[in-house]
C-alpha atoms as a PDB file:
ATOM      1  CA  MET A   1      -4.841  -7.862  28.613  1.00  0.00           C
ATOM      2  CA  SER A   2      -3.890  -7.537  32.330  1.00  0.00           C
ATOM      3  CA  LEU A   3      -6.011 -10.406  33.520  1.00  0.00           C
ATOM      4  CA  ILE A   4      -4.833 -12.659  30.591  1.00  0.00           C
ATOM      5  CA  LYS A   5      -0.908 -11.495  31.747  1.00  0.00           C
ATOM      6  CA  SER A   6      -1.732 -12.578  35.302  1.00  0.00           C
ATOM      7  CA  HIS A   7      -2.550 -16.360  34.282  1.00  0.00           C
ATOM      8  CA  PRO A   8       0.327 -18.443  35.863  1.00  0.00           C
ATOM      9  CA  ASP A   9       0.726 -20.330  32.525  1.00  0.00           C
ATOM     10  CA  ILE A  10       1.159 -17.249  30.326  1.00  0.00           C
ATOM     11  CA  THR A  11       4.430 -15.723  29.910  1.00  0.00           C
ATOM     12  CA  PHE A  12       5.281 -12.217  27.809  1.00  0.00           C
ATOM     13  CA  LYS A  13       8.595 -11.801  26.229  1.00  0.00           C
ATOM     14  CA  PRO A  14       9.478  -9.246  26.803  1.00  0.00           C
ATOM     15  CA  ASP A  15       7.217  -8.319  29.648  1.00  0.00           C
ATOM     16  CA  PHE A  16       5.306  -5.050  29.538  1.00  0.00           C
ATOM     17  CA  GLU A  17       2.525  -3.223  31.819  1.00  0.00           C
ATOM     18  CA  ASN A  18      -0.909  -1.341  30.851  1.00  0.00           C
ATOM     19  CA  GLY A  19      -0.134  -2.079  26.980  1.00  0.00           C
ATOM     20  CA  TYR A  20      -2.327  -3.462  24.244  1.00  0.00           C
ATOM     21  CA  VAL A  21      -1.081  -6.447  21.645  1.00  0.00           C
ATOM     22  CA  CYS A  22      -1.936  -6.021  18.027  1.00  0.00           C
ATOM     23  CA  PRO A  23      -3.663  -9.069  17.396  1.00  0.00           C
ATOM     24  CA  LEU A  24      -1.741  -9.673  13.969  1.00  0.00           C
ATOM     25  CA  CYS A  25       1.896  -8.834  14.578  1.00  0.00           C
ATOM     26  CA  PHE A  26       1.777  -9.617  18.486  1.00  0.00           C
ATOM     27  CA  ASP A  27       3.742  -6.346  19.262  1.00  0.00           C
ATOM     28  CA  PRO A  28       2.881  -4.199  22.163  1.00  0.00           C
ATOM     29  CA  PHE A  29       1.510  -1.025  22.012  1.00  0.00           C
ATOM     30  CA  PHE A  30       0.805   1.754  24.514  1.00  0.00           C
ATOM     31  CA  GLU A  31      -1.700   4.643  25.106  1.00  0.00           C
ATOM     32  CA  ASN A  32       1.026   7.053  23.345  1.00  0.00           C
ATOM     33  CA  ASP A  33       0.648   4.652  20.168  1.00  0.00           C
ATOM     34  CA  LEU A  34      -2.985   5.893  20.080  1.00  0.00           C
ATOM     35  CA  ASN A  35      -1.236   9.307  18.560  1.00  0.00           C
ATOM     36  CA  LEU A  36      -1.337   9.164  14.851  1.00  0.00           C
ATOM     37  CA  THR A  37       1.967  11.023  14.645  1.00  0.00           C
ATOM     38  CA  SER A  38       3.760   8.237  16.264  1.00  0.00           C
ATOM     39  CA  LYS A  39       6.061   5.868  14.255  1.00  0.00           C
ATOM     40  CA  ASN A  40       3.785   2.808  14.025  1.00  0.00           C
ATOM     41  CA  PRO A  41       0.448   3.967  15.541  1.00  0.00           C
ATOM     42  CA  LEU A  42      -2.815   1.782  16.513  1.00  0.00           C
ATOM     43  CA  THR A  43      -5.627   2.427  14.319  1.00  0.00           C
ATOM     44  CA  LEU A  44      -9.336   1.528  14.199  1.00  0.00           C
ATOM     45  CA  GLU A  45      -9.847  -1.848  11.815  1.00  0.00           C
ATOM     46  CA  ASP A  46     -13.079  -2.305  10.103  1.00  0.00           C
ATOM     47  CA  VAL A  47     -14.268  -5.513  10.076  1.00  0.00           C
ATOM     48  CA  PRO A  48     -15.344  -6.713   7.651  1.00  0.00           C
ATOM     49  CA  PRO A  49     -13.939  -4.215   5.530  1.00  0.00           C
ATOM     50  CA  LYS A  50     -16.079  -1.020   5.147  1.00  0.00           C
ATOM     51  CA  SER A  51     -16.353  -1.426   1.438  1.00  0.00           C
ATOM     52  CA  LEU A  52     -18.211  -4.606   2.025  1.00  0.00           C
ATOM     53  CA  GLY A  53     -20.360  -3.950   4.685  1.00  0.00           C
ATOM     54  CA  GLY A  54     -18.226  -3.501   7.884  1.00  0.00           C
ATOM     55  CA  ASN A  55     -17.751  -1.219  10.808  1.00  0.00           C
ATOM     56  CA  PRO A  56     -14.816  -0.663  13.191  1.00  0.00           C
ATOM     57  CA  LYS A  57     -14.383  -3.113  15.529  1.00  0.00           C
ATOM     58  CA  ILE A  58     -11.084  -3.245  16.785  1.00  0.00           C
ATOM     59  CA  LEU A  59      -7.262  -1.951  16.832  1.00  0.00           C
ATOM     60  CA  THR A  60      -4.291  -3.154  14.733  1.00  0.00           C
ATOM     61  CA  CYS A  61      -1.216  -1.349  14.187  1.00  0.00           C
ATOM     62  CA  LYS A  62      -0.815   0.692  11.072  1.00  0.00           C
ATOM     63  CA  ASP A  63       1.676  -1.373   9.530  1.00  0.00           C
ATOM     64  CA  CYS A  64      -0.476  -4.448   9.911  1.00  0.00           C
ATOM     65  CA  ASN A  65      -3.489  -2.631   8.765  1.00  0.00           C
ATOM     66  CA  SER A  66      -1.834  -1.420   5.834  1.00  0.00           C
ATOM     67  CA  LYS A  67       0.283  -4.093   4.546  1.00  0.00           C
ATOM     68  CA  SER A  68      -2.093  -6.940   5.179  1.00  0.00           C
ATOM     69  CA  GLY A  69      -5.516  -5.081   5.254  1.00  0.00           C
ATOM     70  CA  HIS A  70      -5.421  -2.598   2.241  1.00  0.00           C
ATOM     71  CA  ILE A  71      -3.505  -5.296  -0.019  1.00  0.00           C
ATOM     72  CA  LEU A  72      -6.132  -8.163   0.748  1.00  0.00           C
ATOM     73  CA  ASP A  73      -9.161  -6.191   1.169  1.00  0.00           C
ATOM     74  CA  ASN A  74      -8.727  -4.495  -2.217  1.00  0.00           C
ATOM     75  CA  HIS A  75      -8.495  -8.120  -3.890  1.00  0.00           C
ATOM     76  CA  LEU A  76     -11.419  -9.512  -1.998  1.00  0.00           C
ATOM     77  CA  LEU A  77     -13.602  -6.491  -3.286  1.00  0.00           C
ATOM     78  CA  GLN A  78     -12.299  -7.008  -6.901  1.00  0.00           C
ATOM     79  CA  SER A  79     -13.007 -10.562  -6.636  1.00  0.00           C
ATOM     80  CA  LEU A  80     -16.698 -10.238  -5.384  1.00  0.00           C
ATOM     81  CA  LYS A  81     -17.089  -7.475  -8.129  1.00  0.00           C
ATOM     82  CA  GLU A  82     -15.903  -9.732 -10.868  1.00  0.00           C
ATOM     83  CA  LEU A  83     -18.358 -12.570  -9.380  1.00  0.00           C
ATOM     84  CA  ASP A  84     -21.324 -10.071  -9.395  1.00  0.00           C
ATOM     85  CA  ALA A  85     -20.358  -9.327 -13.048  1.00  0.00           C
ATOM     86  CA  LYS A  86     -20.251 -13.191 -14.355  1.00  0.00           C
ATOM     87  CA  GLU A  87     -23.546 -13.418 -12.776  1.00  0.00           C
ATOM     88  CA  PHE A  88     -25.067 -10.215 -14.576  1.00  0.00           C
ATOM     89  CA  LEU A  89     -26.252  -8.944 -11.291  1.00  0.00           C
ATOM     90  CA  PRO A  90     -28.001  -5.370 -10.982  1.00  0.00           C
ATOM     91  CA  ASN A  91     -25.895  -2.782 -10.063  1.00  0.00           C
ATOM     92  CA  SER A  92     -22.730  -4.319 -11.532  1.00  0.00           C
ATOM     93  CA  GLU A  93     -20.254  -2.785 -13.895  1.00  0.00           C
ATOM     94  CA  TYR A  94     -16.749  -4.077 -15.273  1.00  0.00           C
ATOM     95  CA  LYS A  95     -14.544  -2.877 -18.191  1.00  0.00           C
ATOM     96  CA  THR A  96     -14.292  -5.480 -20.890  1.00  0.00           C
ATOM     97  CA  THR A  97     -12.742  -5.762 -24.454  1.00  0.00           C
ATOM     98  CA  PHE A  98     -15.626  -6.911 -27.112  1.00  0.00           C
ATOM     99  CA  SER A  99     -14.421  -8.840 -29.814  1.00  0.00           C
ATOM    100  CA  ARG A 100     -15.315 -10.292 -33.348  1.00  0.00           C
ATOM    101  CA  ASN A 101     -13.251 -11.993 -36.092  1.00  0.00           C
ATOM    102  CA  GLY A 102     -10.175 -10.462 -34.573  1.00  0.00           C
ATOM    103  CA  ASN A 103     -11.420  -6.858 -34.193  1.00  0.00           C
ATOM    104  CA  GLN A 104     -11.714  -5.691 -30.623  1.00  0.00           C
ATOM    105  CA  ALA A 105     -12.929  -2.443 -28.778  1.00  0.00           C
ATOM    106  CA  ASN A 106     -12.863  -1.522 -25.343  1.00  0.00           C
ATOM    107  CA  GLY A 107     -15.562  -0.347 -23.322  1.00  0.00           C
ATOM    108  CA  THR A 108     -17.972  -1.455 -20.185  1.00  0.00           C
ATOM    109  CA  VAL A 109     -20.973  -3.735 -19.359  1.00  0.00           C
ATOM    110  CA  LYS A 110     -23.087  -2.095 -16.940  1.00  0.00           C
ATOM    111  CA  ILE A 111     -26.236  -3.616 -15.449  1.00  0.00           C
ATOM    112  CA  ASP A 112     -28.302  -1.265 -13.729  1.00  0.00           C
ATOM    113  CA  LYS A 113     -30.869  -1.710 -10.941  1.00  0.00           C
ATOM    114  CA  ASP A 114     -33.404  -3.104 -13.045  1.00  0.00           C
ATOM    115  CA  GLY A 115     -31.168  -5.816 -14.776  1.00  0.00           C
ATOM    116  CA  LYS A 116     -31.133  -4.062 -17.957  1.00  0.00           C
ATOM    117  CA  ILE A 117     -27.901  -4.682 -19.557  1.00  0.00           C
ATOM    118  CA  VAL A 118     -26.051  -1.636 -21.368  1.00  0.00           C
ATOM    119  CA  PHE A 119     -22.681  -2.225 -23.426  1.00  0.00           C
ATOM    120  CA  ASP A 120     -20.832   0.963 -24.058  1.00  0.00           C
ATOM    121  CA  ILE A 121     -18.001   0.964 -26.327  1.00  0.00           C
ATOM    122  CA  GLN A 122     -15.735   3.521 -26.025  1.00  0.00           C
ATOM    123  CA  PRO A 123     -13.560   4.342 -28.935  1.00  0.00           C
ATOM    124  CA  GLN A 124     -11.261   6.642 -27.130  1.00  0.00           C
ATOM    125  CA  ARG A 125      -9.763   3.602 -24.843  1.00  0.00           C
ATOM    126  CA  SER A 126      -9.249   1.395 -28.242  1.00  0.00           C
ATOM    127  CA  ASN A 127      -7.406   1.155 -31.240  1.00  0.00           C
ATOM    128  CA  PRO A 128      -9.042   3.430 -34.245  1.00  0.00           C
ATOM    129  CA  LYS A 129      -8.633   0.782 -36.883  1.00  0.00           C
ATOM    130  CA  SER A 130      -9.586  -2.258 -35.173  1.00  0.00           C
ATOM    131  CA  THR A 131     -12.512  -0.440 -33.347  1.00  0.00           C
ATOM    132  CA  ASN A 132     -13.902   1.022 -36.616  1.00  0.00           C
ATOM    133  CA  SER A 133     -13.768  -2.804 -38.536  1.00  0.00           C
ATOM    134  CA  PHE A 134     -15.220  -4.197 -35.111  1.00  0.00           C
ATOM    135  CA  MET A 135     -18.044  -1.492 -35.264  1.00  0.00           C
ATOM    136  CA  LYS A 136     -18.923  -2.521 -39.246  1.00  0.00           C
ATOM    137  CA  ASP A 137     -18.722  -5.901 -38.672  1.00  0.00           C
ATOM    138  CA  VAL A 138     -21.115  -6.018 -35.568  1.00  0.00           C
ATOM    139  CA  PHE A 139     -23.310  -3.394 -37.020  1.00  0.00           C
ATOM    140  CA  PRO A 140     -23.812  -3.841 -40.787  1.00  0.00           C
ATOM    141  CA  PRO A 141     -25.115  -1.230 -42.758  1.00  0.00           C
ATOM    142  CA  ILE A 142     -28.963  -0.788 -42.981  1.00  0.00           C
ATOM    143  CA  THR A 143     -31.341   0.684 -45.782  1.00  0.00           C
ATOM    144  CA  PHE A 144     -34.233   2.543 -43.789  1.00  0.00           C
ATOM    145  CA  TYR A 145     -37.231   2.749 -46.200  1.00  0.00           C
ATOM    146  CA  ASN A 146     -39.851   5.414 -46.355  1.00  0.00           C
ATOM    147  CA  PRO A 147     -42.668   3.822 -44.629  1.00  0.00           C
ATOM    148  CA  LEU A 148     -45.292   5.716 -47.169  1.00  0.00           C
ATOM    149  CA  PHE A 149     -44.134   3.271 -49.813  1.00  0.00           C
ATOM    150  CA  HIS A 150     -42.780   0.421 -47.877  1.00  0.00           C
ATOM    151  CA  PRO A 151     -45.224   0.098 -45.134  1.00  0.00           C
ATOM    152  CA  GLU A 152     -44.454  -3.661 -45.019  1.00  0.00           C
ATOM    153  CA  LYS A 153     -40.819  -3.007 -43.999  1.00  0.00           C
ATOM    154  CA  GLN A 154     -41.571  -0.699 -41.211  1.00  0.00           C
ATOM    155  CA  PHE A 155     -41.524  -3.220 -38.583  1.00  0.00           C
ATOM    156  CA  GLU A 156     -38.445  -5.039 -39.764  1.00  0.00           C
ATOM    157  CA  GLN A 157     -36.147  -5.777 -36.817  1.00  0.00           C
ATOM    158  CA  TYR A 158     -32.428  -4.923 -37.256  1.00  0.00           C
ATOM    159  CA  LYS A 159     -30.188  -7.657 -35.554  1.00  0.00           C
ATOM    160  CA  THR A 160     -26.629  -6.793 -34.925  1.00  0.00           C
ATOM    161  CA  ASN A 161     -24.206  -9.778 -35.522  1.00  0.00           C
ATOM    162  CA  GLU A 162     -22.911 -11.842 -32.897  1.00  0.00           C
ATOM    163  CA  PHE A 163     -19.765 -10.714 -30.854  1.00  0.00           C
ATOM    164  CA  SER A 164     -18.056 -11.911 -27.767  1.00  0.00           C
ATOM    165  CA  ILE A 165     -17.074 -10.002 -24.633  1.00  0.00           C
ATOM    166  CA  LYS A 166     -14.050 -10.602 -22.275  1.00  0.00           C
ATOM    167  CA  PHE A 167     -15.195 -11.025 -18.531  1.00  0.00           C
ATOM    168  CA  PRO A 168     -12.941  -9.576 -15.691  1.00  0.00           C
ATOM    169  CA  ASN A 169     -10.656 -11.728 -14.246  1.00  0.00           C
ATOM    170  CA  ASN A 170      -8.185  -9.097 -12.483  1.00  0.00           C
ATOM    171  CA  SER A 171      -8.067 -10.222  -8.597  1.00  0.00           C
ATOM    172  CA  ASN A 172      -5.797 -12.372  -7.264  1.00  0.00           C
ATOM    173  CA  GLU A 173      -7.554 -15.809  -5.745  1.00  0.00           C
ATOM    174  CA  ARG A 174      -5.012 -16.546  -3.094  1.00  0.00           C
ATOM    175  CA  ARG A 175      -5.098 -13.081  -1.720  1.00  0.00           C
ATOM    176  CA  SER A 176      -8.954 -13.201  -1.759  1.00  0.00           C
ATOM    177  CA  GLU A 177      -8.899 -16.502   0.285  1.00  0.00           C
ATOM    178  CA  VAL A 178      -6.268 -14.963   2.657  1.00  0.00           C
ATOM    179  CA  ALA A 179      -8.687 -11.841   3.116  1.00  0.00           C
ATOM    180  CA  LEU A 180     -11.499 -14.106   4.125  1.00  0.00           C
ATOM    181  CA  LEU A 181      -9.109 -15.623   6.638  1.00  0.00           C
ATOM    182  CA  ARG A 182      -8.205 -12.282   8.025  1.00  0.00           C
ATOM    183  CA  ILE A 183     -11.839 -11.213   8.483  1.00  0.00           C
ATOM    184  CA  GLY A 184     -12.675 -14.316  10.310  1.00  0.00           C
ATOM    185  CA  TYR A 185      -9.644 -14.027  12.651  1.00  0.00           C
ATOM    186  CA  LEU A 186     -10.093 -10.643  13.541  1.00  0.00           C
ATOM    187  CA  LEU A 187     -13.636 -10.846  14.035  1.00  0.00           C
ATOM    188  CA  ALA A 188     -13.075 -13.825  16.364  1.00  0.00           C
ATOM    189  CA  TYR A 189     -10.666 -11.372  18.396  1.00  0.00           C
ATOM    190  CA  SER A 190     -13.167  -8.376  18.183  1.00  0.00           C
ATOM    191  CA  ILE A 191     -15.577 -10.653  20.044  1.00  0.00           C
ATOM    192  CA  PHE A 192     -13.688 -12.957  22.361  1.00  0.00           C
ATOM    193  CA  GLY A 193     -10.845 -10.709  23.110  1.00  0.00           C
ATOM    194  CA  SER A 194      -7.211 -11.025  24.288  1.00  0.00           C
ATOM    195  CA  GLY A 195      -7.608 -14.578  25.698  1.00  0.00           C
ATOM    196  CA  PHE A 196      -8.487 -15.814  22.140  1.00  0.00           C
ATOM    197  CA  LEU A 197      -5.014 -15.219  20.921  1.00  0.00           C
ATOM    198  CA  ILE A 198      -3.400 -17.875  23.605  1.00  0.00           C
ATOM    199  CA  ASN A 199      -3.705 -20.818  21.217  1.00  0.00           C
ATOM    200  CA  GLY A 200      -0.794 -22.096  19.738  1.00  0.00           C
ATOM    201  CA  ALA A 201      -2.598 -23.056  16.564  1.00  0.00           C
ATOM    202  CA  LEU A 202      -3.244 -19.284  15.677  1.00  0.00           C
ATOM    203  CA  PHE A 203       0.571 -18.727  15.013  1.00  0.00           C
ATOM    204  CA  LYS A 204       0.429 -20.435  11.563  1.00  0.00           C
ATOM    205  CA  VAL A 205      -2.824 -18.473  10.968  1.00  0.00           C
ATOM    206  CA  ARG A 206      -1.156 -14.898  11.874  1.00  0.00           C
ATOM    207  CA  GLU A 207       1.798 -16.019   9.826  1.00  0.00           C
ATOM    208  CA  GLN A 208      -0.256 -16.903   6.749  1.00  0.00           C
ATOM    209  CA  ILE A 209      -2.078 -13.499   7.087  1.00  0.00           C
ATOM    210  CA  LEU A 210       0.860 -11.743   7.219  1.00  0.00           C
ATOM    211  CA  ASN A 211       2.609 -13.448   4.125  1.00  0.00           C
ATOM    212  CA  PRO A 212      -0.603 -13.958   1.828  1.00  0.00           C
ATOM    213  CA  ASP A 213       1.702 -14.866  -1.214  1.00  0.00           C
ATOM    214  CA  LYS A 214       3.314 -17.994   0.714  1.00  0.00           C
ATOM    215  CA  ASP A 215       1.530 -21.170   0.997  1.00  0.00           C
ATOM    216  CA  ILE A 216       1.762 -21.489   4.791  1.00  0.00           C
ATOM    217  CA  LEU A 217      -1.418 -22.968   5.238  1.00  0.00           C
ATOM    218  CA  PRO A 218      -3.714 -25.458   2.696  1.00  0.00           C
ATOM    219  CA  LYS A 219      -6.014 -23.523   0.203  1.00  0.00           C
ATOM    220  CA  VAL A 220      -9.251 -23.919   2.173  1.00  0.00           C
ATOM    221  CA  PHE A 221     -10.223 -21.974   4.924  1.00  0.00           C
ATOM    222  CA  TRP A 222     -13.932 -22.155   5.107  1.00  0.00           C
ATOM    223  CA  ILE A 223     -16.794 -24.262   5.460  1.00  0.00           C
ATOM    224  CA  LYS A 224     -19.039 -23.962   2.071  1.00  0.00           C
ATOM    225  CA  TYR A 225     -22.636 -24.099   3.281  1.00  0.00           C
ATOM    226  CA  GLU A 226     -25.383 -21.640   3.974  1.00  0.00           C
ATOM    227  CA  PHE A 227     -25.704 -21.760   7.801  1.00  0.00           C
ATOM    228  CA  PRO A 228     -29.146 -20.196   9.621  1.00  0.00           C
ATOM    229  CA  GLU A 229     -29.072 -16.418   9.953  1.00  0.00           C
ATOM    230  CA  ASN A 230     -28.942 -16.661  13.761  1.00  0.00           C
ATOM    231  CA  MET A 231     -25.475 -18.301  13.527  1.00  0.00           C
ATOM    232  CA  LEU A 232     -23.944 -15.104  12.636  1.00  0.00           C
ATOM    233  CA  GLY A 233     -21.285 -14.665  14.742  1.00  0.00           C
ATOM    234  CA  MET A 234     -18.905 -17.387  16.474  1.00  0.00           C
ATOM    235  CA  ASN A 235     -19.786 -20.934  16.554  1.00  0.00           C
ATOM    236  CA  ILE A 236     -17.748 -24.262  17.685  1.00  0.00           C
ATOM    237  CA  ILE A 237     -18.043 -27.608  15.615  1.00  0.00           C
ATOM    238  CA  LYS A 238     -18.466 -30.385  18.235  1.00  0.00           C
ATOM    239  CA  SER A 239     -18.060 -33.289  15.768  1.00  0.00           C
ATOM    240  CA  PRO A 240     -16.533 -34.950  14.107  1.00  0.00           C
ATOM    241  CA  LYS A 241     -13.671 -34.713  15.975  1.00  0.00           C
ATOM    242  CA  GLU A 242     -11.570 -34.329  12.666  1.00  0.00           C
ATOM    243  CA  LEU A 243     -13.557 -30.919  12.091  1.00  0.00           C
ATOM    244  CA  MET A 244     -13.639 -29.489  15.513  1.00  0.00           C
ATOM    245  CA  CYS A 245     -12.956 -25.933  15.391  1.00  0.00           C
ATOM    246  CA  PHE A 246     -14.270 -22.298  15.548  1.00  0.00           C
ATOM    247  CA  VAL A 247     -16.073 -20.893  12.969  1.00  0.00           C
ATOM    248  CA  ALA A 248     -16.579 -17.469  12.234  1.00  0.00           C
ATOM    249  CA  ILE A 249     -19.718 -16.685  10.391  1.00  0.00           C
ATOM    250  CA  PHE A 250     -20.213 -13.254   8.672  1.00  0.00           C
ATOM    251  CA  LYS A 251     -21.890 -11.489   5.489  1.00  0.00           C
ATOM    252  CA  LEU A 252     -19.998  -9.421   2.684  1.00  0.00           C
ATOM    253  CA  LYS A 253     -22.116  -6.964   0.677  1.00  0.00           C
ATOM    254  CA  THR A 254     -21.412  -5.207  -2.405  1.00  0.00           C
ATOM    255  CA  LYS A 255     -23.638  -3.139  -4.207  1.00  0.00           C
ATOM    256  CA  SER A 256     -25.144  -6.032  -6.091  1.00  0.00           C
ATOM    257  CA  LYS A 257     -25.194  -8.802  -3.389  1.00  0.00           C
ATOM    258  CA  GLU A 258     -24.653 -10.185   0.142  1.00  0.00           C
ATOM    259  CA  ARG A 259     -22.974 -13.388   0.573  1.00  0.00           C
ATOM    260  CA  GLN A 260     -22.354 -15.573   3.575  1.00  0.00           C
ATOM    261  CA  PHE A 261     -18.727 -17.017   4.554  1.00  0.00           C
ATOM    262  CA  ALA A 262     -18.091 -19.299   7.208  1.00  0.00           C
ATOM    263  CA  ILE A 263     -14.247 -19.375   8.364  1.00  0.00           C
ATOM    264  CA  ALA A 264     -12.549 -22.160  10.122  1.00  0.00           C
ATOM    265  CA  LEU A 265     -10.320 -21.351  12.994  1.00  0.00           C
ATOM    266  CA  PRO A 266      -8.268 -23.896  14.907  1.00  0.00           C
ATOM    267  CA  GLY A 267      -9.131 -24.459  18.428  1.00  0.00           C
ATOM    268  CA  PRO A 268      -6.631 -24.506  21.003  1.00  0.00           C
ATOM    269  CA  SER A 269      -6.304 -28.604  21.210  1.00  0.00           C
ATOM    270  CA  SER A 270      -6.883 -31.071  18.709  1.00  0.00           C
ATOM    271  CA  PRO A 271      -7.307 -31.251  15.679  1.00  0.00           C
ATOM    272  CA  GLY A 272      -5.729 -27.661  16.183  1.00  0.00           C
ATOM    273  CA  ILE A 273      -4.046 -26.454  12.599  1.00  0.00           C
ATOM    274  CA  GLU A 274      -4.782 -29.923  10.971  1.00  0.00           C
ATOM    275  CA  ILE A 275      -8.439 -28.437  10.337  1.00  0.00           C
ATOM    276  CA  TYR A 276      -7.255 -27.112   7.083  1.00  0.00           C
ATOM    277  CA  GLU A 277      -5.968 -30.374   5.885  1.00  0.00           C
ATOM    278  CA  ASN A 278      -9.143 -32.028   7.288  1.00  0.00           C
ATOM    279  CA  ILE A 279     -11.671 -29.554   5.851  1.00  0.00           C
ATOM    280  CA  GLU A 280      -9.836 -30.190   2.166  1.00  0.00           C
ATOM    281  CA  LYS A 281     -10.097 -34.050   2.752  1.00  0.00           C
ATOM    282  CA  LEU A 282     -13.782 -34.330   4.108  1.00  0.00           C
ATOM    283  CA  LEU A 283     -15.443 -31.292   2.924  1.00  0.00           C
ATOM    284  CA  CYS A 284     -13.942 -30.694  -0.546  1.00  0.00           C
ATOM    285  CA  THR A 285     -14.522 -34.196  -1.928  1.00  0.00           C
ATOM    286  CA  GLY A 286     -17.420 -36.269  -3.007  1.00  0.00           C
ATOM    287  CA  ASP A 287     -20.780 -34.990  -2.200  1.00  0.00           C
ATOM    288  CA  GLY A 288     -19.018 -32.014  -0.189  1.00  0.00           C
ATOM    289  CA  PHE A 289     -20.645 -30.975   3.008  1.00  0.00           C
ATOM    290  CA  ARG A 290     -21.398 -33.802   5.342  1.00  0.00           C
ATOM    291  CA  HIS A 291     -23.546 -33.553   8.539  1.00  0.00           C
ATOM    292  CA  ILE A 292     -21.507 -31.584  11.420  1.00  0.00           C
ATOM    293  CA  GLU A 293     -22.814 -31.048  14.905  1.00  0.00           C
ATOM    294  CA  ILE A 294     -22.133 -27.021  15.487  1.00  0.00           C
ATOM    295  CA  GLU A 295     -23.346 -24.833  18.399  1.00  0.00           C
ATOM    296  CA  HIS A 296     -23.560 -21.176  18.432  1.00  0.00           C
ATOM    297  CA  ILE A 297     -21.783 -19.348  21.243  1.00  0.00           C
ATOM    298  CA  PRO A 298     -24.279 -16.919  22.979  1.00  0.00           C
ATOM    299  CA  ASP A 299     -23.720 -13.208  22.322  1.00  0.00           C
ATOM    300  CA  ILE A 300     -22.322 -11.959  25.660  1.00  0.00           C
ATOM    301  CA  ASP A 301     -19.816  -9.459  26.607  1.00  0.00           C
ATOM    302  CA  PHE A 302     -16.455 -11.161  26.574  1.00  0.00           C
ATOM    303  CA  VAL A 303     -14.176  -8.012  26.367  1.00  0.00           C
ATOM    304  CA  LYS A 304     -15.758  -5.645  29.174  1.00  0.00           C
ATOM    305  CA  ASN A 305     -16.870  -8.420  31.651  1.00  0.00           C
ATOM    306  CA  LEU A 306     -13.405  -9.691  33.195  1.00  0.00           C
ATOM    307  CA  ASP A 307     -15.520 -13.107  33.938  1.00  0.00           C
ATOM    308  CA  ASN A 308     -15.909 -13.951  30.535  1.00  0.00           C
ATOM    309  CA  ALA A 309     -11.967 -12.914  29.946  1.00  0.00           C
ATOM    310  CA  TRP A 310     -11.119 -16.719  29.015  1.00  0.00           C
ATOM    311  CA  GLY A 311     -14.571 -17.443  27.453  1.00  0.00           C
ATOM    312  CA  SER A 312     -13.391 -18.662  24.174  1.00  0.00           C
ATOM    313  CA  HIS A 313     -11.350 -21.433  25.984  1.00  0.00           C
ATOM    314  CA  LEU A 314     -14.429 -22.137  28.494  1.00  0.00           C
ATOM    315  CA  PHE A 315     -16.729 -22.660  25.460  1.00  0.00           C
ATOM    316  CA  TRP A 316     -14.166 -24.937  23.570  1.00  0.00           C
ATOM    317  CA  GLN A 317     -13.621 -27.202  26.682  1.00  0.00           C
ATOM    318  CA  LYS A 318     -17.166 -27.334  27.434  1.00  0.00           C
ATOM    319  CA  LEU A 319     -18.291 -28.240  24.023  1.00  0.00           C
ATOM    320  CA  THR A 320     -15.637 -30.634  22.744  1.00  0.00           C
ATOM    321  CA  ALA A 321     -15.346 -32.258  26.273  1.00  0.00           C
ATOM    322  CA  GLN A 322     -19.144 -33.049  26.199  1.00  0.00           C
ATOM    323  CA  ASP A 323     -18.492 -34.432  22.672  1.00  0.00           C
ATOM    324  CA  GLU A 324     -15.504 -36.745  24.375  1.00  0.00           C
ATOM    325  CA  LYS A 325     -18.242 -37.969  27.124  1.00  0.00           C
ATOM    326  CA  ASN A 326     -20.829 -38.928  24.816  1.00  0.00           C
ATOM    327  CA  LYS A 327     -18.280 -41.193  22.854  1.00  0.00           C
ATOM    328  CA  LYS A 328     -17.051 -42.632  26.253  1.00  0.00           C
ATOM    329  CA  THR A 329     -20.535 -43.307  27.397  1.00  0.00           C
ATOM    330  CA  SER A 330     -21.675 -45.137  23.922  1.00  0.00           C
ATOM    331  CA  ASN A 331     -18.502 -47.220  24.104  1.00  0.00           C
END
């Protein structure tokens, strides 16, 4: 941070020495704020959330960790669990309502590790009258015959009547989307360090993260494409110019499935914050994904090696300038 502050074009108001800036609220913090008894202490942040396979990577203040972190992360976790359930993936489980002919019973649907589906009807959570009617309708009475006198009926199959189940839909879609943006942003910061924050286009990103229920940015923050494993981490889209941006690629893991996400983050120059509108126009219509030229940023030490403090900007200038150079040459 001291090196970033020493840049002649960088000014902090109010200025401070030997401090740390929370990457979300941009408030300064100091060594005594590491004490958990302080008013708003610095806390370790898991990126991605621990519940989705992440590890502690950075410090954020307690207010930001609680207000935007826990609220958003819970909806994202719930959203992915609901997706697991709808796909009937092993190790998934959800509460539901069973119904037939207007009669209902509450319970759970469990899919074990081998993919076996178990319907657990729970009368204690249901209306007794409705549950009894449901059970009689779904499981009609059956007559069991003595196999000694009716051997031909020994292997008759007992079939229940059809019934419906309600899939869970309790998560907030918008908060889940903003949670993904938050993970991508904090992952980029954990890799690049404070130099990454000196980017005016990120102001709106932080504002959206801290106000998840407001429509500050367009809905789409991600590139819907399964990238190769070796591109996990930070990347830059070099072309087309309308889609030039940083791309944070990471995986989220539930008990049932591991999924990859690629979150777009604006660069310090054009198209900047317009990247989200461009993604919506170019990647969310017609055939969807189109050819893009993307380059992975090497896994070097941006934080502890002071020579790399402005690494995110240097890589951006190098890769996007090269794109412009090639276009001038072709012209």
